[in-house]
PDB file of all heavy atoms in Angstrom:
ATOM      1  N   TYR A   1     101.726 132.457 256.182  1.00  0.00           N
ATOM      2  CA  TYR A   1     102.251 133.692 256.769  1.00  0.00           C
ATOM      3  C   TYR A   1     103.232 134.374 255.783  1.00  0.00           C
ATOM      4  O   TYR A   1     103.776 133.673 254.890  1.00  0.00           O
ATOM      5  CB  TYR A   1     103.174 133.331 258.056  1.00  0.00           C
ATOM      6  CG  TYR A   1     102.430 132.568 259.088  1.00  0.00           C
ATOM      7  CD1 TYR A   1     102.221 131.222 258.994  1.00  0.00           C
ATOM      8  CD2 TYR A   1     101.939 133.209 260.207  1.00  0.00           C
ATOM      9  CE1 TYR A   1     101.566 130.492 260.047  1.00  0.00           C
ATOM     10  CE2 TYR A   1     101.325 132.545 261.213  1.00  0.00           C
ATOM     11  CZ  TYR A   1     101.141 131.170 261.143  1.00  0.00           C
ATOM     12  OH  TYR A   1     100.480 130.423 262.119  1.00  0.00           O
ATOM     13  N   VAL A   2     103.300 135.628 256.028  1.00  0.00           N
ATOM     14  CA  VAL A   2     104.312 136.453 255.258  1.00  0.00           C
ATOM     15  C   VAL A   2     105.084 137.341 256.272  1.00  0.00           C
ATOM     16  O   VAL A   2     104.543 137.498 257.424  1.00  0.00           O
ATOM     17  CB  VAL A   2     103.715 137.374 254.208  1.00  0.00           C
ATOM     18  CG1 VAL A   2     103.170 136.496 253.006  1.00  0.00           C
ATOM     19  CG2 VAL A   2     102.606 138.216 254.751  1.00  0.00           C
ATOM     20  N   PRO A   3     106.239 137.864 255.984  1.00  0.00           N
ATOM     21  CA  PRO A   3     106.964 138.680 256.881  1.00  0.00           C
ATOM     22  C   PRO A   3     106.112 139.904 257.353  1.00  0.00           C
ATOM     23  O   PRO A   3     105.362 140.407 256.551  1.00  0.00           O
ATOM     24  CB  PRO A   3     108.203 139.113 256.142  1.00  0.00           C
ATOM     25  CG  PRO A   3     108.431 138.034 255.097  1.00  0.00           C
ATOM     26  CD  PRO A   3     107.049 137.625 254.708  1.00  0.00           C
ATOM     27  N   ALA A   4     106.412 140.376 258.540  1.00  0.00           N
ATOM     28  CA  ALA A   4     105.726 141.581 259.060  1.00  0.00           C
ATOM     29  C   ALA A   4     105.954 142.742 258.080  1.00  0.00           C
ATOM     30  O   ALA A   4     107.002 142.817 257.444  1.00  0.00           O
ATOM     31  CB  ALA A   4     106.219 141.945 260.485  1.00  0.00           C
ATOM     32  N   GLU A   5     104.998 143.654 258.132  1.00  0.00           N
ATOM     33  CA  GLU A   5     105.068 144.861 257.313  1.00  0.00           C
ATOM     34  C   GLU A   5     104.850 144.651 255.820  1.00  0.00           C
ATOM     35  O   GLU A   5     105.053 145.507 255.017  1.00  0.00           O
ATOM     36  CB  GLU A   5     106.280 145.660 257.502  1.00  0.00           C
ATOM     37  CG  GLU A   5     106.504 146.129 258.927  1.00  0.00           C
ATOM     38  CD  GLU A   5     107.710 146.954 259.199  1.00  0.00           C
ATOM     39  OE1 GLU A   5     108.344 147.369 258.217  1.00  0.00           O
ATOM     40  OE2 GLU A   5     107.967 147.243 260.350  1.00  0.00           O
ATOM     41  N   THR A   6     104.419 143.362 255.430  1.00  0.00           N
ATOM     42  CA  THR A   6     104.023 143.159 253.992  1.00  0.00           C
ATOM     43  C   THR A   6     102.844 144.017 253.743  1.00  0.00           C
ATOM     44  O   THR A   6     101.912 144.114 254.531  1.00  0.00           O
ATOM     45  CB  THR A   6     103.721 141.695 253.753  1.00  0.00           C
ATOM     46  OG1 THR A   6     104.927 140.895 254.074  1.00  0.00           O
ATOM     47  CG2 THR A   6     103.251 141.425 252.370  1.00  0.00           C
ATOM     48  N   ASP A   7     102.752 144.622 252.562  1.00  0.00           N
ATOM     49  CA  ASP A   7     101.626 145.496 252.182  1.00  0.00           C
ATOM     50  C   ASP A   7     100.309 144.770 252.299  1.00  0.00           C
ATOM     51  O   ASP A   7     100.170 143.651 251.810  1.00  0.00           O
ATOM     52  CB  ASP A   7     101.853 146.063 250.782  1.00  0.00           C
ATOM     53  CG  ASP A   7     100.916 147.261 250.563  1.00  0.00           C
ATOM     54  OD1 ASP A   7      99.751 146.960 250.263  1.00  0.00           O
ATOM     55  OD2 ASP A   7     101.383 148.407 250.620  1.00  0.00           O
ATOM     56  N   PRO A   8      99.329 145.399 252.932  1.00  0.00           N
ATOM     57  CA  PRO A   8      97.988 144.798 253.044  1.00  0.00           C
ATOM     58  C   PRO A   8      97.393 144.374 251.706  1.00  0.00           C
ATOM     59  O   PRO A   8      96.620 143.351 251.586  1.00  0.00           O
ATOM     60  CB  PRO A   8      97.186 145.892 253.712  1.00  0.00           C
ATOM     61  CG  PRO A   8      98.130 146.627 254.491  1.00  0.00           C
ATOM     62  CD  PRO A   8      99.377 146.667 253.698  1.00  0.00           C
ATOM     63  N   ALA A   9      97.723 145.164 250.628  1.00  0.00           N
ATOM     64  CA  ALA A   9      97.152 144.858 249.274  1.00  0.00           C
ATOM     65  C   ALA A   9      97.695 143.593 248.814  1.00  0.00           C
ATOM     66  O   ALA A   9      97.037 142.822 248.102  1.00  0.00           O
ATOM     67  CB  ALA A   9      97.445 146.035 248.334  1.00  0.00           C
ATOM     68  N   ILE A  10      98.985 143.265 249.076  1.00  0.00           N
ATOM     69  CA  ILE A  10      99.585 142.003 248.694  1.00  0.00           C
ATOM     70  C   ILE A  10      98.980 140.894 249.462  1.00  0.00           C
ATOM     71  O   ILE A  10      98.664 139.822 248.931  1.00  0.00           O
ATOM     72  CB  ILE A  10     101.138 142.056 248.901  1.00  0.00           C
ATOM     73  CG1 ILE A  10     101.762 143.039 247.841  1.00  0.00           C
ATOM     74  CG2 ILE A  10     101.733 140.698 248.772  1.00  0.00           C
ATOM     75  CD1 ILE A  10     103.177 143.308 248.030  1.00  0.00           C
ATOM     76  N   ILE A  11      98.838 141.081 250.782  1.00  0.00           N
ATOM     77  CA  ILE A  11      98.152 140.034 251.594  1.00  0.00           C
ATOM     78  C   ILE A  11      96.787 139.719 251.117  1.00  0.00           C
ATOM     79  O   ILE A  11      96.417 138.593 251.091  1.00  0.00           O
ATOM     80  CB  ILE A  11      98.161 140.490 253.056  1.00  0.00           C
ATOM     81  CG1 ILE A  11      99.576 140.636 253.612  1.00  0.00           C
ATOM     82  CG2 ILE A  11      97.392 139.480 253.932  1.00  0.00           C
ATOM     83  CD1 ILE A  11      99.730 141.200 255.065  1.00  0.00           C
ATOM     84  N   GLU A  12      96.054 140.739 250.749  1.00  0.00           N
ATOM     85  CA  GLU A  12      94.686 140.537 250.213  1.00  0.00           C
ATOM     86  C   GLU A  12      94.677 139.711 249.010  1.00  0.00           C
ATOM     87  O   GLU A  12      93.840 138.838 248.804  1.00  0.00           O
ATOM     88  CB  GLU A  12      94.085 141.934 249.899  1.00  0.00           C
ATOM     89  CG  GLU A  12      92.624 141.866 249.519  1.00  0.00           C
ATOM     90  CD  GLU A  12      92.029 143.221 249.208  1.00  0.00           C
ATOM     91  OE1 GLU A  12      92.605 144.178 249.548  1.00  0.00           O
ATOM     92  OE2 GLU A  12      90.876 143.257 248.769  1.00  0.00           O
ATOM     93  N   LYS A  13      95.674 139.853 248.119  1.00  0.00           N
ATOM     94  CA  LYS A  13      95.759 139.052 246.895  1.00  0.00           C
ATOM     95  C   LYS A  13      96.078 137.582 247.289  1.00  0.00           C
ATOM     96  O   LYS A  13      95.517 136.637 246.648  1.00  0.00           O
ATOM     97  CB  LYS A  13      96.866 139.613 245.999  1.00  0.00           C
ATOM     98  CG  LYS A  13      96.417 140.866 245.249  1.00  0.00           C
ATOM     99  CD  LYS A  13      97.400 141.277 244.144  1.00  0.00           C
ATOM    100  CE  LYS A  13      96.969 142.475 243.417  1.00  0.00           C
ATOM    101  NZ  LYS A  13      97.871 142.827 242.265  1.00  0.00           N
ATOM    102  N   LEU A  14      96.967 137.346 248.221  1.00  0.00           N
ATOM    103  CA  LEU A  14      97.346 136.058 248.654  1.00  0.00           C
ATOM    104  C   LEU A  14      96.073 135.321 249.365  1.00  0.00           C
ATOM    105  O   LEU A  14      95.838 134.170 249.039  1.00  0.00           O
ATOM    106  CB  LEU A  14      98.521 136.072 249.661  1.00  0.00           C
ATOM    107  CG  LEU A  14      99.826 136.387 248.940  1.00  0.00           C
ATOM    108  CD1 LEU A  14     100.907 136.648 250.068  1.00  0.00           C
ATOM    109  CD2 LEU A  14     100.341 135.227 248.085  1.00  0.00           C
ATOM    110  N   THR A  15      95.414 136.155 250.172  1.00  0.00           N
ATOM    111  CA  THR A  15      94.241 135.595 250.846  1.00  0.00           C
ATOM    112  C   THR A  15      93.129 135.179 249.815  1.00  0.00           C
ATOM    113  O   THR A  15      92.530 134.152 249.924  1.00  0.00           O
ATOM    114  CB  THR A  15      93.627 136.568 251.776  1.00  0.00           C
ATOM    115  OG1 THR A  15      94.632 136.877 252.842  1.00  0.00           O
ATOM    116  CG2 THR A  15      92.402 136.032 252.478  1.00  0.00           C
ATOM    117  N   SER A  16      92.941 136.071 248.869  1.00  0.00           N
ATOM    118  CA  SER A  16      91.913 135.743 247.827  1.00  0.00           C
ATOM    119  C   SER A  16      92.266 134.489 247.074  1.00  0.00           C
ATOM    120  O   SER A  16      91.426 133.656 246.736  1.00  0.00           O
ATOM    121  CB  SER A  16      91.844 136.978 246.883  1.00  0.00           C
ATOM    122  OG  SER A  16      90.940 136.688 245.864  1.00  0.00           O
ATOM    123  N   ALA A  17      93.550 134.352 246.751  1.00  0.00           N
ATOM    124  CA  ALA A  17      94.026 133.138 246.037  1.00  0.00           C
ATOM    125  C   ALA A  17      93.894 131.918 246.856  1.00  0.00           C
ATOM    126  O   ALA A  17      93.513 130.835 246.326  1.00  0.00           O
ATOM    127  CB  ALA A  17      95.450 133.329 245.525  1.00  0.00           C
ATOM    128  N   LEU A  18      94.181 132.025 248.143  1.00  0.00           N
ATOM    129  CA  LEU A  18      93.976 130.923 249.096  1.00  0.00           C
ATOM    130  C   LEU A  18      92.510 130.487 249.098  1.00  0.00           C
ATOM    131  O   LEU A  18      92.197 129.371 249.069  1.00  0.00           O
ATOM    132  CB  LEU A  18      94.454 131.318 250.494  1.00  0.00           C
ATOM    133  CG  LEU A  18      94.144 130.312 251.624  1.00  0.00           C
ATOM    134  CD1 LEU A  18      94.818 128.988 251.329  1.00  0.00           C
ATOM    135  CD2 LEU A  18      94.550 130.896 252.964  1.00  0.00           C
ATOM    136  N   GLN A  19      91.588 131.454 249.218  1.00  0.00           N
ATOM    137  CA  GLN A  19      90.157 131.180 249.283  1.00  0.00           C
ATOM    138  C   GLN A  19      89.749 130.429 248.014  1.00  0.00           C
ATOM    139  O   GLN A  19      88.866 129.525 248.087  1.00  0.00           O
ATOM    140  CB  GLN A  19      89.395 132.435 249.550  1.00  0.00           C
ATOM    141  CG  GLN A  19      89.608 133.004 250.900  1.00  0.00           C
ATOM    142  CD  GLN A  19      88.818 134.261 251.159  1.00  0.00           C
ATOM    143  OE1 GLN A  19      88.438 134.985 250.207  1.00  0.00           O
ATOM    144  NE2 GLN A  19      88.655 134.637 252.426  1.00  0.00           N
ATOM    145  N   VAL A  20      90.213 130.871 246.866  1.00  0.00           N
ATOM    146  CA  VAL A  20      89.840 130.206 245.657  1.00  0.00           C
ATOM    147  C   VAL A  20      90.402 128.759 245.617  1.00  0.00           C
ATOM    148  O   VAL A  20      89.731 127.802 245.195  1.00  0.00           O
ATOM    149  CB  VAL A  20      90.472 130.963 244.409  1.00  0.00           C
ATOM    150  CG1 VAL A  20      90.351 130.136 243.111  1.00  0.00           C
ATOM    151  CG2 VAL A  20      89.752 132.313 244.207  1.00  0.00           C
ATOM    152  N   ALA A  21      91.639 128.565 246.120  1.00  0.00           N
ATOM    153  CA  ALA A  21      92.247 127.262 246.116  1.00  0.00           C
ATOM    154  C   ALA A  21      91.456 126.303 247.014  1.00  0.00           C
ATOM    155  O   ALA A  21      91.298 125.074 246.698  1.00  0.00           O
ATOM    156  CB  ALA A  21      93.699 127.268 246.672  1.00  0.00           C
ATOM    157  N   LEU A  22      90.982 126.796 248.144  1.00  0.00           N
ATOM    158  CA  LEU A  22      90.215 125.977 249.077  1.00  0.00           C
ATOM    159  C   LEU A  22      88.826 125.514 248.609  1.00  0.00           C
ATOM    160  O   LEU A  22      88.197 124.651 249.107  1.00  0.00           O
ATOM    161  CB  LEU A  22      90.109 126.651 250.456  1.00  0.00           C
ATOM    162  CG  LEU A  22      91.431 126.884 251.158  1.00  0.00           C
ATOM    163  CD1 LEU A  22      91.168 127.595 252.534  1.00  0.00           C
ATOM    164  CD2 LEU A  22      92.175 125.628 251.366  1.00  0.00           C
ATOM    165  N   GLN A  23      88.424 126.216 247.510  1.00  0.00           N
ATOM    166  CA  GLN A  23      87.157 125.785 246.858  1.00  0.00           C
ATOM    167  C   GLN A  23      87.352 124.904 245.586  1.00  0.00           C
ATOM    168  O   GLN A  23      86.452 124.551 244.908  1.00  0.00           O
ATOM    169  CB  GLN A  23      86.335 127.044 246.475  1.00  0.00           C
ATOM    170  CG  GLN A  23      85.868 127.869 247.683  1.00  0.00           C
ATOM    171  CD  GLN A  23      85.069 129.087 247.294  1.00  0.00           C
ATOM    172  OE1 GLN A  23      83.875 128.956 246.978  1.00  0.00           O
ATOM    173  NE2 GLN A  23      85.717 130.176 247.256  1.00  0.00           N
ATOM    174  N   ASP A  24      88.633 124.686 245.223  1.00  0.00           N
ATOM    175  CA  ASP A  24      89.009 123.880 244.096  1.00  0.00           C
ATOM    176  C   ASP A  24      88.548 122.400 244.380  1.00  0.00           C
ATOM    177  O   ASP A  24      88.823 121.878 245.429  1.00  0.00           O
ATOM    178  CB  ASP A  24      90.509 123.997 243.904  1.00  0.00           C
ATOM    179  CG  ASP A  24      90.948 123.141 242.672  1.00  0.00           C
ATOM    180  OD1 ASP A  24      90.936 123.703 241.580  1.00  0.00           O
ATOM    181  OD2 ASP A  24      91.384 121.941 242.922  1.00  0.00           O
ATOM    182  N   GLN A  25      87.873 121.809 243.424  1.00  0.00           N
ATOM    183  CA  GLN A  25      87.308 120.514 243.633  1.00  0.00           C
ATOM    184  C   GLN A  25      88.438 119.432 243.877  1.00  0.00           C
ATOM    185  O   GLN A  25      88.260 118.490 244.689  1.00  0.00           O
ATOM    186  CB  GLN A  25      86.445 120.100 242.460  1.00  0.00           C
ATOM    187  CG  GLN A  25      85.575 118.842 242.668  1.00  0.00           C
ATOM    188  CD  GLN A  25      84.673 119.116 243.912  1.00  0.00           C
ATOM    189  OE1 GLN A  25      83.987 120.087 243.955  1.00  0.00           O
ATOM    190  NE2 GLN A  25      84.671 118.079 244.848  1.00  0.00           N
ATOM    191  N   ASN A  26      89.581 119.538 243.157  1.00  0.00           N
ATOM    192  CA  ASN A  26      90.608 118.625 243.385  1.00  0.00           C
ATOM    193  C   ASN A  26      91.123 118.686 244.848  1.00  0.00           C
ATOM    194  O   ASN A  26      91.444 117.692 245.447  1.00  0.00           O
ATOM    195  CB  ASN A  26      91.744 118.890 242.365  1.00  0.00           C
ATOM    196  CG  ASN A  26      92.923 117.883 242.566  1.00  0.00           C
ATOM    197  OD1 ASN A  26      92.752 116.668 242.487  1.00  0.00           O
ATOM    198  ND2 ASN A  26      94.095 118.431 242.940  1.00  0.00           N
ATOM    199  N   VAL A  27      91.273 120.002 245.261  1.00  0.00           N
ATOM    200  CA  VAL A  27      91.807 120.158 246.677  1.00  0.00           C
ATOM    201  C   VAL A  27      90.749 119.541 247.716  1.00  0.00           C
ATOM    202  O   VAL A  27      91.103 118.854 248.616  1.00  0.00           O
ATOM    203  CB  VAL A  27      91.933 121.658 246.972  1.00  0.00           C
ATOM    204  CG1 VAL A  27      92.262 121.817 248.486  1.00  0.00           C
ATOM    205  CG2 VAL A  27      93.128 122.160 246.127  1.00  0.00           C
ATOM    206  N   ILE A  28      89.439 119.838 247.477  1.00  0.00           N
ATOM    207  CA  ILE A  28      88.386 119.232 248.333  1.00  0.00           C
ATOM    208  C   ILE A  28      88.441 117.724 248.339  1.00  0.00           C
ATOM    209  O   ILE A  28      88.457 117.099 249.407  1.00  0.00           O
ATOM    210  CB  ILE A  28      87.041 119.723 247.836  1.00  0.00           C
ATOM    211  CG1 ILE A  28      86.953 121.317 248.097  1.00  0.00           C
ATOM    212  CG2 ILE A  28      85.911 119.018 248.611  1.00  0.00           C
ATOM    213  CD1 ILE A  28      85.678 121.871 247.454  1.00  0.00           C
ATOM    214  N   ASP A  29      88.585 117.158 247.161  1.00  0.00           N
ATOM    215  CA  ASP A  29      88.575 115.600 247.025  1.00  0.00           C
ATOM    216  C   ASP A  29      89.805 115.056 247.591  1.00  0.00           C
ATOM    217  O   ASP A  29      89.709 114.040 248.287  1.00  0.00           O
ATOM    218  CB  ASP A  29      88.499 115.292 245.553  1.00  0.00           C
ATOM    219  CG  ASP A  29      87.168 115.662 244.898  1.00  0.00           C
ATOM    220  OD1 ASP A  29      86.204 115.838 245.676  1.00  0.00           O
ATOM    221  OD2 ASP A  29      87.087 115.639 243.636  1.00  0.00           O
ATOM    222  N   ARG A  30      90.991 115.673 247.362  1.00  0.00           N
ATOM    223  CA  ARG A  30      92.226 115.095 247.879  1.00  0.00           C
ATOM    224  C   ARG A  30      92.296 115.234 249.432  1.00  0.00           C
ATOM    225  O   ARG A  30      92.707 114.335 250.195  1.00  0.00           O
ATOM    226  CB  ARG A  30      93.489 115.748 247.266  1.00  0.00           C
ATOM    227  CG  ARG A  30      93.642 115.351 245.809  1.00  0.00           C
ATOM    228  CD  ARG A  30      94.164 113.913 245.669  1.00  0.00           C
ATOM    229  NE  ARG A  30      95.548 113.911 246.182  1.00  0.00           N
ATOM    230  CZ  ARG A  30      95.997 113.127 247.212  1.00  0.00           C
ATOM    231  NH1 ARG A  30      95.088 112.406 247.908  1.00  0.00           N
ATOM    232  NH2 ARG A  30      97.235 113.135 247.562  1.00  0.00           N
ATOM    233  N   PHE A  31      91.791 116.445 249.936  1.00  0.00           N
ATOM    234  CA  PHE A  31      91.737 116.573 251.367  1.00  0.00           C
ATOM    235  C   PHE A  31      90.813 115.518 251.989  1.00  0.00           C
ATOM    236  O   PHE A  31      91.168 114.925 253.018  1.00  0.00           O
ATOM    237  CB  PHE A  31      91.161 117.937 251.716  1.00  0.00           C
ATOM    238  CG  PHE A  31      92.256 119.087 251.711  1.00  0.00           C
ATOM    239  CD1 PHE A  31      93.456 118.921 251.190  1.00  0.00           C
ATOM    240  CD2 PHE A  31      92.017 120.238 252.464  1.00  0.00           C
ATOM    241  CE1 PHE A  31      94.401 119.941 251.182  1.00  0.00           C
ATOM    242  CE2 PHE A  31      92.921 121.223 252.481  1.00  0.00           C
ATOM    243  CZ  PHE A  31      94.154 121.119 251.889  1.00  0.00           C
ATOM    244  N   ALA A  32      89.707 115.215 251.381  1.00  0.00           N
ATOM    245  CA  ALA A  32      88.814 114.205 251.889  1.00  0.00           C
ATOM    246  C   ALA A  32      89.451 112.850 251.947  1.00  0.00           C
ATOM    247  O   ALA A  32      89.242 112.095 252.960  1.00  0.00           O
ATOM    248  CB  ALA A  32      87.521 114.139 251.037  1.00  0.00           C
ATOM    249  N   GLU A  33      90.222 112.500 250.938  1.00  0.00           N
ATOM    250  CA  GLU A  33      90.962 111.227 250.879  1.00  0.00           C
ATOM    251  C   GLU A  33      91.977 111.191 252.086  1.00  0.00           C
ATOM    252  O   GLU A  33      92.296 110.106 252.499  1.00  0.00           O
ATOM    253  CB  GLU A  33      91.729 111.041 249.619  1.00  0.00           C
ATOM    254  CG  GLU A  33      90.787 110.852 248.412  1.00  0.00           C
ATOM    255  CD  GLU A  33      91.558 110.873 247.098  1.00  0.00           C
ATOM    256  OE1 GLU A  33      92.836 110.957 247.167  1.00  0.00           O
ATOM    257  OE2 GLU A  33      90.930 110.857 245.999  1.00  0.00           O
ATOM    258  N   LEU A  34      92.468 112.312 252.449  1.00  0.00           N
ATOM    259  CA  LEU A  34      93.467 112.339 253.580  1.00  0.00           C
ATOM    260  C   LEU A  34      92.856 112.615 254.959  1.00  0.00           C
ATOM    261  O   LEU A  34      93.567 112.799 255.913  1.00  0.00           O
ATOM    262  CB  LEU A  34      94.447 113.419 253.249  1.00  0.00           C
ATOM    263  CG  LEU A  34      95.290 113.255 251.944  1.00  0.00           C
ATOM    264  CD1 LEU A  34      96.090 114.566 251.612  1.00  0.00           C
ATOM    265  CD2 LEU A  34      96.224 112.100 252.054  1.00  0.00           C
ATOM    266  N   GLY A  35      91.513 112.571 254.929  1.00  0.00           N
ATOM    267  CA  GLY A  35      90.805 112.712 256.271  1.00  0.00           C
ATOM    268  C   GLY A  35      90.605 114.107 256.761  1.00  0.00           C
ATOM    269  O   GLY A  35      90.495 114.331 257.979  1.00  0.00           O
ATOM    270  N   THR A  36      90.676 115.114 255.905  1.00  0.00           N
ATOM    271  CA  THR A  36      90.476 116.474 256.376  1.00  0.00           C
ATOM    272  C   THR A  36      89.689 117.234 255.390  1.00  0.00           C
ATOM    273  O   THR A  36      89.226 116.693 254.345  1.00  0.00           O
ATOM    274  CB  THR A  36      91.839 117.183 256.519  1.00  0.00           C
ATOM    275  OG1 THR A  36      91.712 118.424 257.136  1.00  0.00           O
ATOM    276  CG2 THR A  36      92.601 117.314 255.234  1.00  0.00           C
ATOM    277  N   THR A  37      89.319 118.480 255.730  1.00  0.00           N
ATOM    278  CA  THR A  37      88.573 119.351 254.810  1.00  0.00           C
ATOM    279  C   THR A  37      89.174 120.749 254.811  1.00  0.00           C
ATOM    280  O   THR A  37      89.880 121.153 255.759  1.00  0.00           O
ATOM    281  CB  THR A  37      87.086 119.475 255.252  1.00  0.00           C
ATOM    282  OG1 THR A  37      87.085 119.942 256.620  1.00  0.00           O
ATOM    283  CG2 THR A  37      86.417 118.141 255.232  1.00  0.00           C
ATOM    284  N   PRO A  38      88.986 121.501 253.750  1.00  0.00           N
ATOM    285  CA  PRO A  38      89.403 122.852 253.768  1.00  0.00           C
ATOM    286  C   PRO A  38      88.632 123.690 254.821  1.00  0.00           C
ATOM    287  O   PRO A  38      87.522 123.384 255.134  1.00  0.00           O
ATOM    288  CB  PRO A  38      89.093 123.436 252.364  1.00  0.00           C
ATOM    289  CG  PRO A  38      88.846 122.168 251.531  1.00  0.00           C
ATOM    290  CD  PRO A  38      88.330 121.191 252.446  1.00  0.00           C
TER     291      PRO A  38
END
């Protein structure tokens, strides 16, 4: 989350970075070890 009224363009950059992170192999592998998935 970010505070209300944050510029949509900034949110878009954060969302894009989140989506990239959730496809990172280390994140996928570590999540699997912890019993979850992105």
